[in-house]
PDB file of N, CA and C in Angstrom:
ATOM      1  N   MET A   1     -21.188  -2.963   8.415  1.00  0.00           N
ATOM      2  CA  MET A   1     -20.075  -3.881   8.475  1.00  0.00           C
ATOM      3  C   MET A   1     -19.706  -4.082   9.948  1.00  0.00           C
ATOM      4  N   SER A   2     -19.551  -5.326  10.361  1.00  0.00           N
ATOM      5  CA  SER A   2     -19.206  -5.604  11.753  1.00  0.00           C
ATOM      6  C   SER A   2     -17.749  -5.258  12.021  1.00  0.00           C
ATOM      7  N   SER A   3     -17.401  -5.153  13.300  1.00  0.00           N
ATOM      8  CA  SER A   3     -16.022  -4.809  13.641  1.00  0.00           C
ATOM      9  C   SER A   3     -15.057  -5.911  13.191  1.00  0.00           C
ATOM     10  N   SER A   4     -15.485  -7.167  13.215  1.00  0.00           N
ATOM     11  CA  SER A   4     -14.589  -8.229  12.735  1.00  0.00           C
ATOM     12  C   SER A   4     -14.389  -8.118  11.226  1.00  0.00           C
ATOM     13  N   ASP A   5     -15.435  -7.725  10.493  1.00  0.00           N
ATOM     14  CA  ASP A   5     -15.296  -7.496   9.047  1.00  0.00           C
ATOM     15  C   ASP A   5     -14.348  -6.332   8.779  1.00  0.00           C
ATOM     16  N   LEU A   6     -14.488  -5.267   9.584  1.00  0.00           N
ATOM     17  CA  LEU A   6     -13.610  -4.110   9.430  1.00  0.00           C
ATOM     18  C   LEU A   6     -12.167  -4.478   9.732  1.00  0.00           C
ATOM     19  N   ARG A   7     -11.956  -5.266  10.777  1.00  0.00           N
ATOM     20  CA  ARG A   7     -10.589  -5.693  11.116  1.00  0.00           C
ATOM     21  C   ARG A   7      -9.991  -6.534   9.991  1.00  0.00           C
ATOM     22  N   GLN A   8     -10.807  -7.411   9.403  1.00  0.00           N
ATOM     23  CA  GLN A   8     -10.331  -8.234   8.288  1.00  0.00           C
ATOM     24  C   GLN A   8      -9.985  -7.357   7.092  1.00  0.00           C
ATOM     25  N   ARG A   9     -10.839  -6.378   6.797  1.00  0.00           N
ATOM     26  CA  ARG A   9     -10.566  -5.460   5.686  1.00  0.00           C
ATOM     27  C   ARG A   9      -9.306  -4.649   5.959  1.00  0.00           C
ATOM     28  N   LEU A  10      -9.128  -4.204   7.207  1.00  0.00           N
ATOM     29  CA  LEU A  10      -7.935  -3.455   7.586  1.00  0.00           C
ATOM     30  C   LEU A  10      -6.687  -4.306   7.370  1.00  0.00           C
ATOM     31  N   GLU A  11      -6.756  -5.554   7.755  1.00  0.00           N
ATOM     32  CA  GLU A  11      -5.615  -6.456   7.552  1.00  0.00           C
ATOM     33  C   GLU A  11      -5.317  -6.613   6.056  1.00  0.00           C
ATOM     34  N   ASN A  12      -6.360  -6.747   5.236  1.00  0.00           N
ATOM     35  CA  ASN A  12      -6.175  -6.867   3.789  1.00  0.00           C
ATOM     36  C   ASN A  12      -5.564  -5.604   3.186  1.00  0.00           C
ATOM     37  N   VAL A  13      -6.028  -4.447   3.649  1.00  0.00           N
ATOM     38  CA  VAL A  13      -5.499  -3.179   3.151  1.00  0.00           C
ATOM     39  C   VAL A  13      -4.026  -3.053   3.521  1.00  0.00           C
ATOM     40  N   GLU A  14      -3.687  -3.384   4.767  1.00  0.00           N
ATOM     41  CA  GLU A  14      -2.295  -3.282   5.200  1.00  0.00           C
ATOM     42  C   GLU A  14      -1.406  -4.256   4.431  1.00  0.00           C
ATOM     43  N   ALA A  15      -1.902  -5.453   4.132  1.00  0.00           N
ATOM     44  CA  ALA A  15      -1.136  -6.414   3.335  1.00  0.00           C
ATOM     45  C   ALA A  15      -0.929  -5.871   1.916  1.00  0.00           C
ATOM     46  N   SER A  16      -1.955  -5.257   1.363  1.00  0.00           N
ATOM     47  CA  SER A  16      -1.828  -4.664   0.028  1.00  0.00           C
ATOM     48  C   SER A  16      -0.816  -3.529   0.023  1.00  0.00           C
ATOM     49  N   LEU A  17      -0.827  -2.720   1.078  1.00  0.00           N
ATOM     50  CA  LEU A  17       0.148  -1.633   1.181  1.00  0.00           C
ATOM     51  C   LEU A  17       1.571  -2.177   1.234  1.00  0.00           C
ATOM     52  N   ARG A  18       1.777  -3.224   2.027  1.00  0.00           N
ATOM     53  CA  ARG A  18       3.123  -3.823   2.107  1.00  0.00           C
ATOM     54  C   ARG A  18       3.550  -4.351   0.744  1.00  0.00           C
ATOM     55  N   ARG A  19       2.640  -4.999   0.042  1.00  0.00           N
ATOM     56  CA  ARG A  19       2.948  -5.561  -1.273  1.00  0.00           C
ATOM     57  C   ARG A  19       3.288  -4.451  -2.272  1.00  0.00           C
ATOM     58  N   LEU A  20       2.453  -3.412  -2.308  1.00  0.00           N
ATOM     59  CA  LEU A  20       2.699  -2.321  -3.250  1.00  0.00           C
ATOM     60  C   LEU A  20       3.994  -1.587  -2.938  1.00  0.00           C
ATOM     61  N   ARG A  21       4.266  -1.397  -1.691  1.00  0.00           N
ATOM     62  CA  ARG A  21       5.516  -0.722  -1.324  1.00  0.00           C
ATOM     63  C   ARG A  21       6.715  -1.581  -1.694  1.00  0.00           C
ATOM     64  N   GLY A  22       6.566  -2.883  -1.615  1.00  0.00           N
ATOM     65  CA  GLY A  22       7.638  -3.783  -2.041  1.00  0.00           C
ATOM     66  C   GLY A  22       7.846  -3.715  -3.539  1.00  0.00           C
ATOM     67  N   GLU A  23       6.740  -3.655  -4.323  1.00  0.00           N
ATOM     68  CA  GLU A  23       6.846  -3.527  -5.775  1.00  0.00           C
ATOM     69  C   GLU A  23       7.470  -2.193  -6.140  1.00  0.00           C
ATOM     70  N   ASP A  24       7.121  -1.145  -5.385  1.00  0.00           N
ATOM     71  CA  ASP A  24       7.670   0.176  -5.654  1.00  0.00           C
ATOM     72  C   ASP A  24       9.184   0.153  -5.523  1.00  0.00           C
ATOM     73  N   ALA A  25       9.704  -0.574  -4.555  1.00  0.00           N
ATOM     74  CA  ALA A  25      11.139  -0.645  -4.345  1.00  0.00           C
ATOM     75  C   ALA A  25      11.836  -1.359  -5.502  1.00  0.00           C
ATOM     76  N   ASP A  26      11.105  -2.221  -6.231  1.00  0.00           N
ATOM     77  CA  ASP A  26      11.696  -2.991  -7.320  1.00  0.00           C
ATOM     78  C   ASP A  26      11.631  -2.285  -8.671  1.00  0.00           C
ATOM     79  N   LEU A  27      10.982  -1.141  -8.753  1.00  0.00           N
ATOM     80  CA  LEU A  27      10.872  -0.461 -10.044  1.00  0.00           C
ATOM     81  C   LEU A  27      12.258  -0.142 -10.589  1.00  0.00           C
ATOM     82  N   GLY A  28      12.424  -0.337 -11.846  1.00  0.00           N
ATOM     83  CA  GLY A  28      13.697  -0.045 -12.475  1.00  0.00           C
ATOM     84  C   GLY A  28      14.663  -1.209 -12.448  1.00  0.00           C
ATOM     85  N   SER A  29      14.394  -2.230 -11.646  1.00  0.00           N
ATOM     86  CA  SER A  29      15.321  -3.351 -11.543  1.00  0.00           C
ATOM     87  C   SER A  29      15.343  -4.179 -12.822  1.00  0.00           C
ATOM     88  N   GLU A  30      14.271  -4.107 -13.611  1.00  0.00           N
ATOM     89  CA  GLU A  30      14.200  -4.874 -14.849  1.00  0.00           C
ATOM     90  C   GLU A  30      15.294  -4.449 -15.830  1.00  0.00           C
ATOM     91  N   PHE A  31      15.608  -3.181 -15.865  1.00  0.00           N
ATOM     92  CA  PHE A  31      16.609  -2.661 -16.794  1.00  0.00           C
ATOM     93  C   PHE A  31      17.844  -2.135 -16.067  1.00  0.00           C
ATOM     94  N   GLY A  32      18.004  -2.473 -14.823  1.00  0.00           N
ATOM     95  CA  GLY A  32      19.053  -1.865 -14.027  1.00  0.00           C
ATOM     96  C   GLY A  32      18.501  -0.624 -13.366  1.00  0.00           C
ATOM     97  N   SER A  33      19.316   0.109 -12.677  1.00  0.00           N
ATOM     98  CA  SER A  33      18.812   1.254 -11.933  1.00  0.00           C
ATOM     99  C   SER A  33      18.612   2.492 -12.807  1.00  0.00           C
ATOM    100  N   VAL A  34      19.147   2.482 -14.036  1.00  0.00           N
ATOM    101  CA  VAL A  34      19.016   3.637 -14.916  1.00  0.00           C
ATOM    102  C   VAL A  34      18.166   3.249 -16.122  1.00  0.00           C
ATOM    103  N   PRO A  35      17.092   4.012 -16.406  1.00  0.00           N
ATOM    104  CA  PRO A  35      16.287   3.711 -17.601  1.00  0.00           C
ATOM    105  C   PRO A  35      17.166   3.721 -18.850  1.00  0.00           C
ATOM    106  N   GLN A  36      16.869   2.842 -19.812  1.00  0.00           N
ATOM    107  CA  GLN A  36      17.685   2.701 -21.011  1.00  0.00           C
ATOM    108  C   GLN A  36      17.445   3.810 -22.026  1.00  0.00           C
ATOM    109  N   ASP A  37      16.242   4.351 -22.065  1.00  0.00           N
ATOM    110  CA  ASP A  37      15.937   5.435 -22.998  1.00  0.00           C
ATOM    111  C   ASP A  37      14.753   6.232 -22.461  1.00  0.00           C
ATOM    112  N   PHE A  38      14.333   7.235 -23.221  1.00  0.00           N
ATOM    113  CA  PHE A  38      13.237   8.086 -22.760  1.00  0.00           C
ATOM    114  C   PHE A  38      11.941   7.312 -22.607  1.00  0.00           C
ATOM    115  N   GLY A  39      11.708   6.319 -23.476  1.00  0.00           N
ATOM    116  CA  GLY A  39      10.500   5.492 -23.358  1.00  0.00           C
ATOM    117  C   GLY A  39      10.484   4.723 -22.057  1.00  0.00           C
ATOM    118  N   ASP A  40      11.625   4.114 -21.720  1.00  0.00           N
ATOM    119  CA  ASP A  40      11.724   3.378 -20.456  1.00  0.00           C
ATOM    120  C   ASP A  40      11.534   4.322 -19.277  1.00  0.00           C
ATOM    121  N   SER A  41      12.134   5.491 -19.375  1.00  0.00           N
ATOM    122  CA  SER A  41      12.022   6.478 -18.307  1.00  0.00           C
ATOM    123  C   SER A  41      10.575   6.917 -18.123  1.00  0.00           C
ATOM    124  N   GLY A  42       9.863   7.127 -19.223  1.00  0.00           N
ATOM    125  CA  GLY A  42       8.456   7.531 -19.156  1.00  0.00           C
ATOM    126  C   GLY A  42       7.588   6.444 -18.560  1.00  0.00           C
ATOM    127  N   GLN A  43       7.835   5.189 -18.963  1.00  0.00           N
ATOM    128  CA  GLN A  43       7.073   4.069 -18.406  1.00  0.00           C
ATOM    129  C   GLN A  43       7.343   3.928 -16.914  1.00  0.00           C
ATOM    130  N   ASP A  44       8.605   4.093 -16.523  1.00  0.00           N
ATOM    131  CA  ASP A  44       8.967   3.992 -15.117  1.00  0.00           C
ATOM    132  C   ASP A  44       8.257   5.069 -14.303  1.00  0.00           C
ATOM    133  N   LEU A  45       8.257   6.288 -14.814  1.00  0.00           N
ATOM    134  CA  LEU A  45       7.583   7.395 -14.131  1.00  0.00           C
ATOM    135  C   LEU A  45       6.087   7.141 -14.028  1.00  0.00           C
ATOM    136  N   GLN A  46       5.466   6.690 -15.119  1.00  0.00           N
ATOM    137  CA  GLN A  46       4.033   6.411 -15.105  1.00  0.00           C
ATOM    138  C   GLN A  46       3.707   5.315 -14.093  1.00  0.00           C
ATOM    139  N   MET A  47       4.511   4.271 -14.046  1.00  0.00           N
ATOM    140  CA  MET A  47       4.283   3.171 -13.117  1.00  0.00           C
ATOM    141  C   MET A  47       4.412   3.655 -11.666  1.00  0.00           C
ATOM    142  N   ARG A  48       5.417   4.474 -11.415  1.00  0.00           N
ATOM    143  CA  ARG A  48       5.591   5.015 -10.056  1.00  0.00           C
ATOM    144  C   ARG A  48       4.395   5.872  -9.644  1.00  0.00           C
ATOM    145  N   GLU A  49       3.909   6.702 -10.566  1.00  0.00           N
ATOM    146  CA  GLU A  49       2.764   7.558 -10.259  1.00  0.00           C
ATOM    147  C   GLU A  49       1.514   6.722  -9.992  1.00  0.00           C
ATOM    148  N   GLU A  50       1.313   5.663 -10.766  1.00  0.00           N
ATOM    149  CA  GLU A  50       0.165   4.789 -10.543  1.00  0.00           C
ATOM    150  C   GLU A  50       0.255   4.105  -9.184  1.00  0.00           C
ATOM    151  N   LEU A  51       1.447   3.628  -8.845  1.00  0.00           N
ATOM    152  CA  LEU A  51       1.626   2.989  -7.537  1.00  0.00           C
ATOM    153  C   LEU A  51       1.402   3.970  -6.400  1.00  0.00           C
ATOM    154  N   GLU A  52       1.920   5.174  -6.553  1.00  0.00           N
ATOM    155  CA  GLU A  52       1.710   6.194  -5.522  1.00  0.00           C
ATOM    156  C   GLU A  52       0.233   6.485  -5.342  1.00  0.00           C
ATOM    157  N   GLY A  53      -0.515   6.530  -6.433  1.00  0.00           N
ATOM    158  CA  GLY A  53      -1.961   6.753  -6.349  1.00  0.00           C
ATOM    159  C   GLY A  53      -2.673   5.606  -5.650  1.00  0.00           C
ATOM    160  N   GLN A  54      -2.295   4.377  -5.977  1.00  0.00           N
ATOM    161  CA  GLN A  54      -2.893   3.212  -5.329  1.00  0.00           C
ATOM    162  C   GLN A  54      -2.568   3.201  -3.840  1.00  0.00           C
ATOM    163  N   ILE A  55      -1.324   3.523  -3.504  1.00  0.00           N
ATOM    164  CA  ILE A  55      -0.917   3.559  -2.104  1.00  0.00           C
ATOM    165  C   ILE A  55      -1.695   4.635  -1.357  1.00  0.00           C
ATOM    166  N   ALA A  56      -1.845   5.809  -1.955  1.00  0.00           N
ATOM    167  CA  ALA A  56      -2.592   6.896  -1.317  1.00  0.00           C
ATOM    168  C   ALA A  56      -4.049   6.493  -1.082  1.00  0.00           C
ATOM    169  N   ASP A  57      -4.660   5.826  -2.068  1.00  0.00           N
ATOM    170  CA  ASP A  57      -6.045   5.367  -1.910  1.00  0.00           C
ATOM    171  C   ASP A  57      -6.162   4.360  -0.768  1.00  0.00           C
ATOM    172  N   LEU A  58      -5.228   3.414  -0.713  1.00  0.00           N
ATOM    173  CA  LEU A  58      -5.265   2.406   0.349  1.00  0.00           C
ATOM    174  C   LEU A  58      -5.002   3.021   1.722  1.00  0.00           C
ATOM    175  N   GLU A  59      -4.086   3.989   1.791  1.00  0.00           N
ATOM    176  CA  GLU A  59      -3.831   4.665   3.065  1.00  0.00           C
ATOM    177  C   GLU A  59      -5.081   5.401   3.544  1.00  0.00           C
ATOM    178  N   ALA A  60      -5.790   6.041   2.622  1.00  0.00           N
ATOM    179  CA  ALA A  60      -7.033   6.741   2.980  1.00  0.00           C
ATOM    180  C   ALA A  60      -8.071   5.748   3.484  1.00  0.00           C
ATOM    181  N   GLU A  61      -8.182   4.600   2.809  1.00  0.00           N
ATOM    182  CA  GLU A  61      -9.134   3.580   3.256  1.00  0.00           C
ATOM    183  C   GLU A  61      -8.741   3.037   4.627  1.00  0.00           C
ATOM    184  N   ARG A  62      -7.433   2.804   4.824  1.00  0.00           N
ATOM    185  CA  ARG A  62      -6.953   2.330   6.120  1.00  0.00           C
ATOM    186  C   ARG A  62      -7.317   3.325   7.225  1.00  0.00           C
ATOM    187  N   ASP A  63      -7.093   4.600   6.963  1.00  0.00           N
ATOM    188  CA  ASP A  63      -7.408   5.623   7.960  1.00  0.00           C
ATOM    189  C   ASP A  63      -8.905   5.678   8.255  1.00  0.00           C
ATOM    190  N   ARG A  64      -9.728   5.525   7.199  1.00  0.00           N
ATOM    191  CA  ARG A  64     -11.182   5.526   7.386  1.00  0.00           C
ATOM    192  C   ARG A  64     -11.621   4.335   8.236  1.00  0.00           C
ATOM    193  N   ILE A  65     -11.061   3.171   7.962  1.00  0.00           N
ATOM    194  CA  ILE A  65     -11.414   1.973   8.731  1.00  0.00           C
ATOM    195  C   ILE A  65     -10.979   2.128  10.178  1.00  0.00           C
ATOM    196  N   LYS A  66      -9.766   2.643  10.390  1.00  0.00           N
ATOM    197  CA  LYS A  66      -9.280   2.851  11.761  1.00  0.00           C
ATOM    198  C   LYS A  66     -10.168   3.826  12.515  1.00  0.00           C
ATOM    199  N   ALA A  67     -10.609   4.878  11.841  1.00  0.00           N
ATOM    200  CA  ALA A  67     -11.494   5.845  12.485  1.00  0.00           C
ATOM    201  C   ALA A  67     -12.827   5.192  12.841  1.00  0.00           C
ATOM    202  N   GLU A  68     -13.315   4.335  11.966  1.00  0.00           N
ATOM    203  CA  GLU A  68     -14.577   3.652  12.221  1.00  0.00           C
ATOM    204  C   GLU A  68     -14.445   2.657  13.380  1.00  0.00           C
ATOM    205  N   LEU A  69     -13.282   2.009  13.474  1.00  0.00           N
ATOM    206  CA  LEU A  69     -13.050   1.061  14.566  1.00  0.00           C
ATOM    207  C   LEU A  69     -12.804   1.772  15.893  1.00  0.00           C
ATOM    208  N   GLY A  70     -12.326   3.013  15.824  1.00  0.00           N
ATOM    209  CA  GLY A  70     -12.054   3.769  17.036  1.00  0.00           C
ATOM    210  C   GLY A  70     -10.746   3.345  17.679  1.00  0.00           C
ATOM    211  N   PRO A  71     -10.672   3.445  19.011  1.00  0.00           N
ATOM    212  CA  PRO A  71      -9.415   3.168  19.708  1.00  0.00           C
ATOM    213  C   PRO A  71      -8.951   1.716  19.566  1.00  0.00           C
ATOM    214  N   ASP A  72      -9.818   0.823  19.114  1.00  0.00           N
ATOM    215  CA  ASP A  72      -9.442  -0.583  18.943  1.00  0.00           C
ATOM    216  C   ASP A  72      -8.683  -0.826  17.649  1.00  0.00           C
ATOM    217  N   ALA A  73      -8.345   0.219  16.900  1.00  0.00           N
ATOM    218  CA  ALA A  73      -7.747   0.050  15.579  1.00  0.00           C
ATOM    219  C   ALA A  73      -6.227   0.029  15.601  1.00  0.00           C
ATOM    220  N   GLY A  74      -5.611  -0.122  16.752  1.00  0.00           N
ATOM    221  CA  GLY A  74      -4.159  -0.196  16.827  1.00  0.00           C
ATOM    222  C   GLY A  74      -3.645  -1.453  16.171  1.00  0.00           C
ATOM    223  N   PRO A  75      -2.306  -1.686  16.211  1.00  0.00           N
ATOM    224  CA  PRO A  75      -1.729  -2.872  15.574  1.00  0.00           C
ATOM    225  C   PRO A  75      -2.349  -4.168  16.070  1.00  0.00           C
ATOM    226  N   GLU A  76      -2.792  -4.187  17.328  1.00  0.00           N
ATOM    227  CA  GLU A  76      -3.390  -5.409  17.867  1.00  0.00           C
ATOM    228  C   GLU A  76      -4.767  -5.688  17.264  1.00  0.00           C
ATOM    229  N   ALA A  77      -5.374  -4.680  16.620  1.00  0.00           N
ATOM    230  CA  ALA A  77      -6.703  -4.877  16.034  1.00  0.00           C
ATOM    231  C   ALA A  77      -6.672  -5.879  14.895  1.00  0.00           C
ATOM    232  N   THR A  78      -5.531  -6.006  14.236  1.00  0.00           N
ATOM    233  CA  THR A  78      -5.419  -6.964  13.149  1.00  0.00           C
ATOM    234  C   THR A  78      -4.664  -8.211  13.574  1.00  0.00           C
ATOM    235  N   GLY A  79      -4.344  -8.280  14.867  1.00  0.00           N
ATOM    236  CA  GLY A  79      -3.627  -9.448  15.361  1.00  0.00           C
ATOM    237  C   GLY A  79      -2.154  -9.427  15.016  1.00  0.00           C
ATOM    238  N   ARG A  80      -1.642  -8.274  14.622  1.00  0.00           N
ATOM    239  CA  ARG A  80      -0.231  -8.150  14.248  1.00  0.00           C
ATOM    240  C   ARG A  80       0.448  -7.165  15.176  1.00  0.00           C
ATOM    241  N   SER A  81       1.737  -7.364  15.347  1.00  0.00           N
ATOM    242  CA  SER A  81       2.515  -6.404  16.131  1.00  0.00           C
ATOM    243  C   SER A  81       2.830  -5.215  15.244  1.00  0.00           C
ATOM    244  N   GLY A  82       3.360  -4.171  15.810  1.00  0.00           N
ATOM    245  CA  GLY A  82       3.704  -2.978  15.061  1.00  0.00           C
ATOM    246  C   GLY A  82       4.972  -3.138  14.253  1.00  0.00           C
ATOM    247  N   HIS A  83       5.564  -4.308  14.215  1.00  0.00           N
ATOM    248  CA  HIS A  83       6.849  -4.514  13.509  1.00  0.00           C
ATOM    249  C   HIS A  83       6.642  -5.069  12.151  1.00  0.00           C
TER     250      HIS A  83
END
């Protein structure tokens, strides 16, 4: 994979992380901040665990890509600022 392909993949991974973290913040909003019953609570917990797993996988991939890119993998590598 070329460095430009890696940079593009890194940008995609970071966008996915931002999206998933945004969805994580919205969990529970469908029923208010408190689950309505044990079923809702169980579904909420399962959804959070799945999101955490997806986020962990993407973070690992991001770290692998950054390591492969070397010192060029900073925020400027994807054309984005650190903000």
